[in-house]
Protein backbone atom coordinates (compact mmCIF):
# COMPACT_ATOMS: atom_id res chain seq x y z
CA MET A 1 -116.98 -213.61 108.75
CA THR A 2 -120.06 -212.12 110.28
CA THR A 3 -123.35 -214.20 110.13
CA ILE A 4 -126.24 -212.36 109.47
CA ARG A 5 -129.97 -213.35 110.02
CA LEU A 6 -133.37 -212.19 109.61
CA VAL A 7 -135.75 -211.86 111.98
CA GLN A 8 -139.50 -210.39 111.16
CA GLY A 9 -140.31 -209.06 115.57
CA ASP A 10 -139.55 -206.51 117.53
CA ILE A 11 -135.96 -205.75 118.29
CA THR A 12 -136.54 -204.75 122.17
CA ARG A 13 -137.08 -208.87 122.41
CA GLU A 14 -134.43 -209.92 120.99
CA SER A 15 -131.26 -211.40 122.86
CA VAL A 16 -128.05 -210.55 121.99
CA ASP A 17 -124.84 -208.56 123.66
CA ALA A 18 -126.17 -205.15 122.16
CA ILE A 19 -129.38 -204.02 120.30
CA VAL A 20 -128.05 -201.29 117.85
CA ASN A 21 -130.87 -197.95 118.32
CA ALA A 22 -132.11 -195.89 115.82
CA ALA A 23 -131.97 -193.18 117.42
CA ASN A 24 -132.37 -188.85 116.92
CA SER A 25 -129.40 -186.46 118.00
CA SER A 26 -130.50 -185.51 120.94
CA LEU A 27 -130.34 -189.27 122.25
CA LEU A 28 -133.45 -188.65 124.69
CA GLY A 29 -135.55 -190.86 122.78
CA GLY A 30 -138.48 -190.46 120.17
CA GLY A 31 -141.21 -192.53 117.92
CA GLY A 32 -140.50 -195.33 116.51
CA VAL A 33 -137.51 -198.03 117.69
CA ASP A 34 -136.12 -195.68 119.57
CA GLY A 35 -139.13 -195.08 121.97
CA ALA A 36 -139.29 -199.19 121.84
CA ILE A 37 -136.12 -199.29 123.40
CA HIS A 38 -136.90 -196.28 126.31
CA ARG A 39 -139.85 -197.34 126.59
CA ARG A 40 -138.67 -200.89 127.58
CA GLY A 41 -135.01 -200.66 128.51
CA GLY A 42 -136.50 -198.43 130.56
CA PRO A 43 -135.30 -195.24 132.87
CA ALA A 44 -131.35 -196.54 133.12
CA ILE A 45 -131.02 -196.02 129.10
CA LEU A 46 -131.93 -192.08 129.44
CA ASP A 47 -129.37 -192.06 132.69
CA GLU A 48 -127.05 -192.92 130.30
CA CYS A 49 -128.01 -190.82 127.61
CA ARG A 50 -128.22 -187.78 129.96
CA LYS A 51 -125.00 -188.11 131.19
CA LEU A 52 -123.63 -188.49 126.97
CA ARG A 53 -125.39 -185.58 126.50
CA ALA A 54 -124.35 -183.20 129.83
CA SER A 55 -120.86 -184.33 128.70
CA HIS A 56 -119.33 -185.20 125.34
CA TYR A 57 -122.45 -184.36 123.36
CA GLY A 58 -123.77 -182.04 124.36
CA LYS A 59 -124.59 -180.32 121.06
CA GLY A 60 -126.22 -184.37 120.44
CA LEU A 61 -125.06 -187.20 118.32
CA ALA A 62 -124.01 -186.37 115.03
CA ALA A 63 -125.77 -188.81 111.76
CA GLY A 64 -123.52 -191.32 111.26
CA GLN A 65 -121.94 -190.79 114.88
CA ALA A 66 -122.24 -194.53 117.23
CA VAL A 67 -122.75 -194.25 121.18
CA ALA A 68 -123.09 -196.89 123.53
CA THR A 69 -124.76 -197.09 126.32
CA THR A 70 -126.44 -199.56 129.55
CA ALA A 71 -129.25 -202.01 127.46
CA GLY A 72 -131.20 -201.08 130.85
CA ASN A 73 -133.45 -203.88 131.00
CA LEU A 74 -133.41 -205.04 127.42
CA ASP A 75 -131.67 -208.58 127.47
CA ALA A 76 -128.97 -207.68 126.47
CA ARG A 77 -125.34 -205.67 127.29
CA TRP A 78 -125.73 -202.16 125.60
CA VAL A 79 -127.19 -200.28 123.42
CA ILE A 80 -125.37 -198.51 120.62
CA HIS A 81 -127.32 -195.85 119.62
CA THR A 82 -126.68 -194.63 116.26
CA VAL A 83 -128.66 -190.94 114.08
CA GLY A 84 -129.43 -192.92 110.84
CA PRO A 85 -129.95 -189.21 107.82
CA VAL A 86 -133.22 -188.32 106.92
CA TRP A 87 -133.79 -189.32 103.11
CA SER A 88 -133.13 -186.83 100.69
CA ALA A 89 -134.26 -187.07 97.25
CA THR A 90 -131.56 -183.81 96.06
CA GLU A 91 -127.96 -185.52 97.79
CA ASP A 92 -127.09 -188.39 98.11
CA ARG A 93 -126.87 -189.20 101.95
CA SER A 94 -126.12 -192.92 101.23
CA GLU A 95 -121.93 -192.50 103.41
CA LEU A 96 -123.97 -191.29 105.97
CA LEU A 97 -126.17 -194.47 106.73
CA ALA A 98 -123.50 -196.64 105.76
CA SER A 99 -121.23 -194.77 108.14
CA CYS A 100 -124.37 -195.76 111.04
CA TYR A 101 -123.75 -199.49 110.44
CA ARG A 102 -120.45 -198.82 110.39
CA GLU A 103 -120.19 -197.31 113.44
CA SER A 104 -122.48 -198.79 115.84
CA LEU A 105 -120.16 -202.35 114.43
CA ARG A 106 -116.87 -201.29 115.39
CA ILE A 107 -118.30 -199.82 118.68
CA ALA A 108 -119.72 -203.63 118.85
CA GLY A 109 -115.94 -204.42 118.64
CA GLU A 110 -114.38 -202.33 121.68
CA LEU A 111 -117.14 -203.56 123.93
CA GLY A 112 -116.41 -207.51 122.92
CA ALA A 113 -120.37 -207.39 121.72
CA ARG A 114 -120.44 -210.99 119.47
CA THR A 115 -124.41 -210.84 118.54
CA VAL A 116 -125.72 -207.29 117.35
CA ALA A 117 -129.74 -206.87 116.36
CA PHE A 118 -129.93 -203.90 113.88
CA PRO A 119 -133.27 -202.27 112.73
CA ALA A 120 -133.75 -200.63 109.64
CA ILE A 121 -131.86 -197.22 110.35
CA SER A 122 -133.73 -194.30 108.55
CA THR A 123 -136.62 -195.97 106.81
CA GLY A 124 -139.04 -195.01 108.73
CA VAL A 125 -139.88 -191.69 109.95
CA TYR A 126 -136.51 -190.54 108.34
CA ARG A 127 -138.30 -191.87 104.92
CA TRP A 128 -135.05 -193.59 103.36
CA PRO A 129 -136.53 -196.51 100.86
CA MET A 130 -136.48 -199.29 101.89
CA ASP A 131 -134.49 -200.94 98.76
CA ASP A 132 -132.00 -199.08 99.15
CA GLY A 133 -131.50 -199.00 102.84
CA ALA A 134 -131.75 -202.93 103.09
CA ARG A 135 -129.11 -203.16 100.29
CA ILE A 136 -126.77 -200.54 102.04
CA ALA A 137 -127.22 -202.43 105.11
CA VAL A 138 -126.44 -205.76 103.95
CA GLU A 139 -123.62 -204.65 102.00
CA THR A 140 -121.81 -202.68 105.14
CA VAL A 141 -122.56 -205.00 107.08
CA ARG A 142 -120.27 -208.16 104.53
CA ASP A 143 -117.82 -204.99 103.63
CA THR A 144 -116.79 -204.11 107.48
CA PRO A 145 -114.11 -205.52 108.99
CA THR A 146 -115.96 -206.53 112.42
CA ALA A 147 -115.18 -209.75 115.43
CA VAL A 148 -118.76 -209.66 115.65
CA GLU A 149 -120.02 -212.69 114.95
CA GLU A 150 -124.39 -212.63 113.75
CA VAL A 151 -125.49 -210.10 113.11
CA ARG A 152 -129.47 -209.28 113.20
CA PHE A 153 -131.75 -207.63 111.47
CA VAL A 154 -134.44 -207.46 113.08
CA LEU A 155 -137.43 -206.10 110.68
CA PHE A 156 -140.86 -205.02 112.00
CA ASP A 157 -143.04 -205.53 108.88
CA ASP A 158 -143.46 -207.98 105.66
CA ARG A 159 -142.12 -205.59 103.57
CA ALA A 160 -139.27 -204.57 105.39
CA TYR A 161 -138.39 -208.69 105.69
CA ASP A 162 -138.78 -209.57 102.83
CA GLU A 163 -137.25 -206.43 100.77
CA PHE A 164 -134.03 -207.62 103.26
CA ALA A 165 -134.24 -211.18 101.99
CA ARG A 166 -134.94 -210.32 98.79
CA VAL A 167 -131.26 -208.49 99.10
CA LEU A 168 -129.35 -210.77 101.30
CA GLY A 169 -130.43 -213.90 98.43
């Protein structure tokens, strides 16, 4: 059974096998978690992302999918990039958000990762409501069979931490 832990802080400071990046579809860096991971991880991550774009992901990575690269200068072996959906009031995209967590765990398992740090995917600039994002994240991790031993949700602020703690019970 996978242990779920909550940490408030900076995901780029975590010491784990894999850090999940809430990437954009270009895989070439951006703002928020994505920008922080690229800045702290250094150019090796961007170099591998560019190679992915030049090969299998010429049009970018689709929402709900995941792919791994080196972690560069981060205290991890891999970065697993996943593209969360933008929240919509008129279309239920919950399955795409759940897929981000499932696919990231699948990739982590294939890599042999035992510890994985996740951000609250899509709850920042993609405007997913924190309460629903926390529910989907925790339920999906709980329900997904995986060899990953520990999942850390690394949450940036009090509001996110409190919402994940409420859902986790």
